[in-house]
Amino acid sequence: MAADLRIEVSGLRNTNGTVYAAVCLEDQFLQPACTYFGSAAASSGVVTVTNVPPGTYAVQVVHDENDNRELDRPGLLPTEGMGFSRDAPMRFGPPRWDDARFDLTEAGATVPLTMRYFQ
């Protein structure tokens, strides 16, 4: 059985571009690619990833404002937004798996998260 995961993104600073969401297993977390992936226009604020088997995952999202399919990062801090499931805190670096993980059941789930911008 597989489920649908609805990712509701709040805090988008504009409706430009695309929101990309990766649904990651623990060994994929914070990597550039994960097994399950979805995208939607930033104007919708919702990304649905379909056919995800039940299990433990974390979500990472990027607001690609200029649609170049990259997280723009001219220096240390990105100029585009990012966010993580459970609004996992970023303390002096990326969030920890344990702060972002959640269980997805056969019934599916909705994961709310807040986009963060550093510039």
Protein backbone atom coordinates (compact mmCIF):
# COMPACT_ATOMS: atom_id res chain seq x y z
CA MET A 1 0.00 0.00 0.00
CA ALA A 2 1.14 3.52 -0.74
CA ALA A 3 -0.13 6.84 0.54
CA ASP A 4 -0.30 10.42 -0.57
CA LEU A 5 1.60 13.03 1.41
CA ARG A 6 0.28 16.59 1.33
CA ILE A 7 2.90 19.20 2.22
CA GLU A 8 1.42 22.58 3.18
CA VAL A 9 4.03 25.32 3.01
CA SER A 10 3.44 28.57 4.86
CA GLY A 11 5.64 31.64 5.07
CA LEU A 12 6.42 31.91 1.36
CA ARG A 13 7.69 35.46 0.80
CA ASN A 14 6.23 35.63 -2.72
CA THR A 15 4.46 33.50 -5.33
CA ASN A 16 7.37 33.43 -7.78
CA GLY A 17 8.80 30.15 -9.02
CA THR A 18 8.37 26.63 -7.76
CA VAL A 19 8.37 24.80 -4.45
CA TYR A 20 10.27 21.50 -4.60
CA ALA A 21 9.70 18.90 -1.90
CA ALA A 22 11.77 15.79 -1.21
CA VAL A 23 10.46 13.03 1.06
CA CYS A 24 13.53 11.35 2.48
CA LEU A 25 14.51 8.21 4.29
CA GLU A 26 17.07 8.68 7.07
CA ASP A 27 20.10 7.84 4.91
CA GLN A 28 18.91 10.33 2.24
CA PHE A 29 18.12 13.22 4.57
CA LEU A 30 19.96 16.46 3.65
CA GLN A 31 21.15 14.94 0.38
CA PRO A 32 20.33 16.59 -2.97
CA ALA A 33 17.96 13.79 -4.03
CA CYS A 34 15.50 11.55 -2.22
CA THR A 35 13.37 8.64 -3.38
CA TYR A 36 10.06 10.55 -3.33
CA PHE A 37 9.75 13.98 -4.86
CA GLY A 38 7.15 16.51 -5.88
CA SER A 39 6.79 20.11 -6.93
CA ALA A 40 4.15 22.78 -7.33
CA ALA A 41 3.88 26.41 -8.28
CA ALA A 42 4.76 28.59 -5.31
CA SER A 43 1.41 30.32 -5.75
CA SER A 44 -0.37 27.19 -4.50
CA GLY A 45 1.70 26.64 -1.36
CA VAL A 46 0.86 22.92 -1.45
CA VAL A 47 2.94 20.04 -2.82
CA THR A 48 1.44 16.54 -3.01
CA VAL A 49 3.77 13.57 -3.28
CA THR A 50 1.94 10.41 -4.33
CA ASN A 51 2.55 6.69 -3.86
CA VAL A 52 4.79 6.91 -0.80
CA PRO A 53 4.90 3.64 1.16
CA PRO A 54 4.19 3.84 4.90
CA GLY A 55 7.32 4.45 6.92
CA THR A 56 9.41 7.04 8.69
CA TYR A 57 10.45 10.05 6.61
CA ALA A 58 11.51 13.68 6.75
CA VAL A 59 10.53 16.36 4.26
CA GLN A 60 12.86 19.04 2.94
CA VAL A 61 11.58 21.84 0.71
CA VAL A 62 13.14 24.61 -1.36
CA HIS A 63 11.47 27.71 -2.77
CA ASP A 64 13.16 28.09 -6.16
CA GLU A 65 12.08 31.66 -6.79
CA ASN A 66 13.89 32.07 -10.12
CA ASP A 67 13.11 28.56 -11.44
CA ASN A 68 16.73 27.61 -12.12
CA ARG A 69 16.31 24.25 -10.31
CA GLU A 70 18.98 25.11 -7.75
CA LEU A 71 19.09 26.48 -4.22
CA ASP A 72 20.88 29.76 -4.94
CA ARG A 73 23.70 30.20 -2.48
CA PRO A 74 26.25 32.81 -3.54
CA GLY A 75 27.89 32.77 -0.11
CA LEU A 76 27.38 30.89 3.11
CA LEU A 77 23.64 31.50 3.37
CA PRO A 78 21.10 30.66 0.65
CA THR A 79 19.18 33.50 -0.99
CA GLU A 80 16.13 31.26 -1.54
CA GLY A 81 13.93 29.67 1.09
CA MET A 82 14.13 26.24 2.62
CA GLY A 83 12.15 24.32 5.20
CA PHE A 84 11.86 20.98 6.95
CA SER A 85 9.08 18.82 8.35
CA ARG A 86 8.10 19.53 11.94
CA ASP A 87 9.78 22.91 11.42
CA ALA A 88 12.98 21.21 12.56
CA PRO A 89 15.32 23.83 14.00
CA MET A 90 18.53 24.76 12.26
CA ARG A 91 21.03 25.56 15.00
CA PHE A 92 24.40 26.50 13.57
CA GLY A 93 23.81 24.13 10.66
CA PRO A 94 21.25 21.79 9.14
CA PRO A 95 18.51 20.19 11.23
CA ARG A 96 18.86 16.76 12.79
CA TRP A 97 16.93 13.77 11.45
CA ASP A 98 15.25 13.20 14.82
CA ASP A 99 13.85 16.74 14.78
CA ALA A 100 12.38 16.41 11.26
CA ARG A 101 11.19 12.79 11.10
CA PHE A 102 7.56 11.69 11.14
CA ASP A 103 5.63 8.49 10.51
CA LEU A 104 3.52 8.13 7.38
CA THR A 105 0.67 5.64 7.62
CA GLU A 106 -1.30 3.92 4.87
CA ALA A 107 -3.98 6.58 5.27
CA GLY A 108 -1.56 9.31 4.17
CA ALA A 109 -0.74 12.51 5.99
CA THR A 110 -0.56 16.26 5.83
CA VAL A 111 2.73 17.84 6.85
CA PRO A 112 2.64 21.57 7.56
CA LEU A 113 5.94 23.44 7.53
CA THR A 114 7.21 26.99 7.44
CA MET A 115 9.57 28.27 4.77
CA ARG A 116 12.64 30.04 6.12
CA TYR A 117 14.72 32.71 4.43
CA PHE A 118 18.16 33.80 5.52
CA GLN A 119 18.66 36.77 3.19
